[in-house]
Amino acid sequence: MLPPRIDKEVVRQAMGDYADPATTAESRSAIYEDLLGFVPPRIEARMHVTGALDPEMLAIQERMREHGMYPKCFDVKTSQLMLFGMLLMDGSDASVLHGIAARRAGATWEEMQAVVNLCFLFRGLSAANRGAEQLANIAKREAASQAA
């Protein structure tokens, strides 16, 4: 469901420490923790690699992400449902992250399935299959989290 985590120590030894003097890696990670409950592996990689090699670029990326992902005209749930659908249409494995975020923001299973159905209309059965698989995996993740 998610790619493997990076080895932060290998990154640190090869590329150096996270180097943004204005914002800590922990502070940058907090928005992802709030949205998803964890920092996704690829985002963690970008934080540590780009944060060591080009912290200004990381700051630019994060400002753009925040501006685009949190428009004033949509609540978080609506934005995350749209992102889930857009990425599912594209066949991106990142769609599952936005599905998790949509659920954390209050999306129901019915709303999630409606997004999958919309994708099916324009992308076909593969989107329906992938969407159903992702909803099942999100449900499994939620069940495991509740059991813990």
Protein backbone atom coordinates (compact mmCIF):
# COMPACT_ATOMS: atom_id res chain seq x y z
CA MET A 1 0.00 0.00 0.00
CA LEU A 2 2.80 2.46 0.87
CA PRO A 3 6.42 2.42 -0.29
CA PRO A 4 9.13 1.52 2.24
CA ARG A 5 10.57 4.18 4.52
CA ILE A 6 13.96 5.67 3.79
CA ASP A 7 16.95 5.14 6.04
CA LYS A 8 17.31 8.64 7.47
CA GLU A 9 20.79 7.89 8.80
CA VAL A 10 22.05 6.87 5.35
CA VAL A 11 20.57 10.08 3.91
CA ARG A 12 22.18 12.13 6.69
CA GLN A 13 25.59 10.55 6.12
CA ALA A 14 25.41 10.88 2.33
CA MET A 15 23.75 14.28 2.00
CA GLY A 16 24.01 15.99 5.35
CA ASP A 17 21.61 17.08 8.03
CA TYR A 18 18.28 18.77 7.44
CA ALA A 19 19.40 22.36 6.99
CA ASP A 20 16.44 24.75 7.04
CA PRO A 21 17.25 27.28 9.80
CA ALA A 22 13.70 28.72 9.77
CA THR A 23 11.60 25.55 10.13
CA THR A 24 12.48 22.25 11.76
CA ALA A 25 11.81 18.91 10.11
CA GLU A 26 9.44 18.10 12.98
CA SER A 27 7.49 21.29 12.37
CA ARG A 28 7.27 20.56 8.64
CA SER A 29 6.10 17.02 9.38
CA ALA A 30 3.34 18.16 11.75
CA ILE A 31 0.87 19.04 8.96
CA TYR A 32 1.16 15.50 7.59
CA GLU A 33 0.77 14.00 11.05
CA ASP A 34 -2.39 16.05 11.52
CA LEU A 35 -3.80 15.26 8.08
CA LEU A 36 -2.87 11.57 7.85
CA GLY A 37 -1.72 10.48 11.29
CA PHE A 38 1.79 9.82 9.92
CA VAL A 39 4.34 11.19 7.46
CA PRO A 40 4.23 9.20 4.21
CA PRO A 41 7.56 7.63 3.19
CA ARG A 42 8.06 9.67 0.01
CA ILE A 43 7.28 12.91 1.82
CA GLU A 44 9.69 11.88 4.57
CA ALA A 45 12.32 11.31 1.86
CA ARG A 46 11.69 14.75 0.34
CA MET A 47 11.89 16.37 3.78
CA HIS A 48 15.25 14.81 4.56
CA VAL A 49 16.89 14.78 1.11
CA THR A 50 15.71 18.15 -0.18
CA GLY A 51 15.81 19.55 3.35
CA ALA A 52 19.53 18.75 3.44
CA LEU A 53 20.48 19.60 -0.16
CA ASP A 54 18.15 22.50 -0.97
CA PRO A 55 16.12 23.67 2.03
CA GLU A 56 14.91 26.76 0.15
CA MET A 57 13.30 24.51 -2.49
CA LEU A 58 11.66 22.45 0.24
CA ALA A 59 10.22 25.64 1.76
CA ILE A 60 8.89 26.71 -1.66
CA GLN A 61 7.35 23.28 -2.27
CA GLU A 62 5.67 23.25 1.12
CA ARG A 63 4.26 26.78 0.71
CA MET A 64 2.84 25.82 -2.69
CA ARG A 65 1.41 22.54 -1.34
CA GLU A 66 -0.24 24.31 1.57
CA HIS A 67 -1.69 27.04 -0.62
CA GLY A 68 -3.07 24.59 -3.17
CA MET A 69 -4.29 21.93 -0.77
CA TYR A 70 -6.17 24.21 1.61
CA PRO A 71 -8.23 26.63 -0.51
CA LYS A 72 -10.53 28.88 1.51
CA CYS A 73 -13.55 27.86 -0.59
CA PHE A 74 -13.39 24.13 0.34
CA ASP A 75 -13.27 22.33 3.62
CA VAL A 76 -10.54 19.74 4.14
CA LYS A 77 -12.87 16.79 3.53
CA THR A 78 -14.00 18.14 0.16
CA SER A 79 -10.43 18.92 -0.93
CA GLN A 80 -9.23 15.47 0.10
CA LEU A 81 -12.13 13.72 -1.66
CA MET A 82 -11.31 15.63 -4.84
CA LEU A 83 -7.61 14.82 -4.56
CA PHE A 84 -8.44 11.15 -3.93
CA GLY A 85 -10.52 11.12 -7.12
CA MET A 86 -8.04 13.05 -9.24
CA LEU A 87 -5.17 10.81 -8.25
CA LEU A 88 -7.27 7.67 -8.66
CA MET A 89 -8.15 8.85 -12.19
CA ASP A 90 -4.46 9.26 -12.86
CA GLY A 91 -3.66 5.80 -11.48
CA SER A 92 -1.38 7.33 -8.87
CA ASP A 93 -0.59 5.30 -5.78
CA ALA A 94 -0.70 8.58 -3.83
CA SER A 95 -4.50 8.46 -4.11
CA VAL A 96 -4.63 6.18 -1.08
CA LEU A 97 -2.99 8.87 1.07
CA HIS A 98 -5.70 11.34 0.14
CA GLY A 99 -8.30 8.67 0.77
CA ILE A 100 -6.90 8.25 4.29
CA ALA A 101 -6.93 12.03 4.72
CA ALA A 102 -10.52 12.27 3.46
CA ARG A 103 -11.63 9.65 6.00
CA ARG A 104 -9.78 11.44 8.80
CA ALA A 105 -11.53 14.65 7.71
CA GLY A 106 -14.93 12.95 8.05
CA ALA A 107 -15.67 11.40 4.64
CA THR A 108 -18.08 8.48 4.81
CA TRP A 109 -17.61 5.19 2.99
CA GLU A 110 -20.58 6.20 0.80
CA GLU A 111 -18.79 9.41 -0.22
CA MET A 112 -15.58 7.51 -0.90
CA GLN A 113 -17.44 5.00 -3.08
CA ALA A 114 -19.17 7.84 -4.93
CA VAL A 115 -15.74 9.21 -5.86
CA VAL A 116 -14.67 5.76 -7.06
CA ASN A 117 -17.88 5.57 -9.10
CA LEU A 118 -17.14 8.93 -10.74
CA CYS A 119 -13.67 7.69 -11.64
CA PHE A 120 -15.16 4.52 -13.09
CA LEU A 121 -17.34 6.55 -15.47
CA PHE A 122 -14.33 8.20 -17.09
CA ARG A 123 -11.43 5.79 -16.48
CA GLY A 124 -13.10 2.41 -16.50
CA LEU A 125 -13.05 -0.80 -14.57
CA SER A 126 -9.40 -0.52 -13.55
CA ALA A 127 -10.24 2.63 -11.52
CA ALA A 128 -13.20 0.84 -9.93
CA ASN A 129 -10.98 -2.12 -9.03
CA ARG A 130 -8.15 0.02 -7.71
CA GLY A 131 -10.56 2.26 -5.82
CA ALA A 132 -12.28 -0.69 -4.16
CA GLU A 133 -8.90 -2.16 -3.23
CA GLN A 134 -7.82 1.15 -1.71
CA LEU A 135 -11.06 1.52 0.28
CA ALA A 136 -10.60 -2.02 1.62
CA ASN A 137 -7.00 -1.26 2.58
CA ILE A 138 -8.00 2.01 4.26
CA ALA A 139 -10.67 0.10 6.23
CA LYS A 140 -8.07 -2.47 7.26
CA ARG A 141 -5.71 0.31 8.37
CA GLU A 142 -8.50 1.95 10.39
CA ALA A 143 -9.43 -1.36 12.03
CA ALA A 144 -5.80 -2.01 12.97
CA SER A 145 -5.47 1.51 14.37
CA GLN A 146 -8.63 1.09 16.47
CA ALA A 147 -7.44 -2.27 17.77
CA ALA A 148 -4.09 -0.81 18.86
